[in-house]
Amino acid sequence: MHELGLVIHVGRILDDLSREEKISKIASVTLQIGEVSGVIPSYLTDCWRYFREKSELLRKAELKIEPVGAVTYCEECEKTYSTLEYKKICPYCGGDQTYLLTGNEFSIKEIEAC
């Protein structure tokens, strides 16, 4: 379960930020998580609940998750499509010269201090 490692990493970033900005409490953290990032949101939420109890800064902080859809771009026909539905082969032209545009993200979007 790498979700605990991710939560610990986010916690360290928030600790550093709180010292720099003199923040004593965080009310919420919004993370953007891509559909094909390999992160399981329910596991992440469980780890967050565990981790925040160990942190005075995050004790009451809500975790908000914004899913980011997986979208692939085809270099041959220059169209985009749903990665989960069609994988690597373009449904428009059948080409395989494709790459992921979005969907692999794991980032802190917003922090609400209180």
Protein backbone atom coordinates (compact mmCIF):
# COMPACT_ATOMS: atom_id res chain seq x y z
CA MET A 1 0.00 0.00 0.00
CA HIS A 2 1.93 3.03 -1.24
CA GLU A 3 -0.93 5.35 -0.23
CA LEU A 4 0.48 5.68 3.29
CA GLY A 5 3.81 6.80 1.83
CA LEU A 6 1.99 9.37 -0.28
CA VAL A 7 0.10 10.69 2.74
CA ILE A 8 3.35 10.94 4.72
CA HIS A 9 4.95 12.85 1.83
CA VAL A 10 1.99 15.26 1.63
CA GLY A 11 2.19 15.68 5.41
CA ARG A 12 5.87 16.66 5.19
CA ILE A 13 5.11 19.20 2.48
CA LEU A 14 2.33 20.67 4.63
CA ASP A 15 4.60 20.77 7.70
CA ASP A 16 7.25 22.67 5.73
CA LEU A 17 4.66 25.04 4.32
CA SER A 18 3.12 25.66 7.74
CA ARG A 19 6.52 26.69 9.14
CA GLU A 20 7.23 28.99 6.19
CA GLU A 21 3.80 30.64 6.24
CA LYS A 22 3.27 30.45 10.03
CA ILE A 23 0.13 28.32 9.73
CA SER A 24 -0.98 26.57 12.91
CA LYS A 25 -3.97 24.56 11.61
CA ILE A 26 -5.09 23.28 8.23
CA ALA A 27 -8.82 22.90 7.62
CA SER A 28 -8.67 21.00 4.33
CA VAL A 29 -6.36 19.69 1.64
CA THR A 30 -7.51 19.10 -1.92
CA LEU A 31 -5.58 16.56 -3.97
CA GLN A 32 -5.92 15.94 -7.70
CA ILE A 33 -5.59 12.25 -8.46
CA GLY A 34 -5.53 10.80 -11.97
CA GLU A 35 -7.60 7.74 -12.87
CA VAL A 36 -4.51 5.84 -13.97
CA SER A 37 -2.13 7.13 -11.29
CA GLY A 38 -2.29 3.85 -9.40
CA VAL A 39 -3.59 5.59 -6.28
CA ILE A 40 -6.71 4.08 -4.72
CA PRO A 41 -8.74 6.97 -3.26
CA SER A 42 -10.42 4.91 -0.53
CA TYR A 43 -7.02 3.63 0.69
CA LEU A 44 -5.65 7.17 0.60
CA THR A 45 -8.61 8.41 2.66
CA ASP A 46 -8.08 5.66 5.23
CA CYS A 47 -4.38 6.51 5.50
CA TRP A 48 -5.24 10.20 5.82
CA ARG A 49 -7.56 9.50 8.77
CA TYR A 50 -4.80 7.56 10.50
CA PHE A 51 -2.06 10.09 9.75
CA ARG A 52 -3.95 13.23 10.72
CA GLU A 53 -4.53 11.89 14.24
CA LYS A 54 -0.75 11.95 14.69
CA SER A 55 -0.42 15.59 13.57
CA GLU A 56 -1.51 18.66 15.50
CA LEU A 57 -1.44 20.65 12.24
CA LEU A 58 -3.80 18.24 10.42
CA ARG A 59 -5.88 16.88 13.32
CA LYS A 60 -9.21 18.14 11.92
CA ALA A 61 -8.16 18.57 8.28
CA GLU A 62 -10.56 17.24 5.68
CA LEU A 63 -9.12 15.46 2.67
CA LYS A 64 -10.83 16.37 -0.60
CA ILE A 65 -10.07 14.35 -3.71
CA GLU A 66 -10.63 15.65 -7.23
CA PRO A 67 -10.41 12.87 -9.80
CA VAL A 68 -8.67 13.67 -13.08
CA GLY A 69 -9.89 11.69 -16.07
CA ALA A 70 -7.42 9.74 -18.18
CA VAL A 71 -7.25 11.20 -21.68
CA THR A 72 -4.99 9.96 -24.47
CA TYR A 73 -3.86 11.91 -27.54
CA CYS A 74 -3.35 10.30 -30.95
CA GLU A 75 -0.48 11.79 -32.95
CA GLU A 76 -1.79 10.29 -36.19
CA CYS A 77 -5.29 11.80 -36.30
CA GLU A 78 -4.69 14.47 -33.61
CA LYS A 79 -7.78 13.50 -31.58
CA THR A 80 -8.21 12.72 -27.91
CA TYR A 81 -10.13 9.86 -26.33
CA SER A 82 -10.83 8.07 -23.04
CA THR A 83 -7.79 6.06 -22.02
CA LEU A 84 -9.72 3.65 -19.81
CA GLU A 85 -12.17 2.82 -22.56
CA TYR A 86 -9.79 2.41 -25.50
CA LYS A 87 -6.30 1.98 -23.97
CA LYS A 88 -3.40 2.68 -26.35
CA ILE A 89 -5.14 2.13 -29.71
CA CYS A 90 -6.98 5.16 -31.08
CA PRO A 91 -10.68 4.45 -31.62
CA TYR A 92 -10.83 6.98 -34.49
CA CYS A 93 -7.98 5.88 -36.76
CA GLY A 94 -6.68 2.67 -35.18
CA GLY A 95 -3.25 4.24 -34.71
CA ASP A 96 -0.91 3.34 -31.90
CA GLN A 97 1.17 6.52 -31.85
CA THR A 98 -0.57 7.77 -28.73
CA TYR A 99 0.37 9.22 -25.35
CA LEU A 100 -1.34 10.05 -22.09
CA LEU A 101 -2.36 13.70 -21.75
CA THR A 102 -4.01 13.58 -18.33
CA GLY A 103 -4.85 10.98 -15.74
CA ASN A 104 -1.51 10.21 -14.08
CA GLU A 105 -1.54 13.21 -11.72
CA PHE A 106 -1.05 13.23 -7.99
CA SER A 107 -0.79 16.81 -6.80
CA ILE A 108 -1.82 19.16 -4.05
CA LYS A 109 -4.31 21.56 -5.60
CA GLU A 110 -5.42 23.57 -2.61
CA ILE A 111 -4.77 24.01 1.10
CA GLU A 112 -7.24 25.77 3.34
CA ALA A 113 -5.71 27.15 6.54
CA CYS A 114 -7.71 28.13 9.57
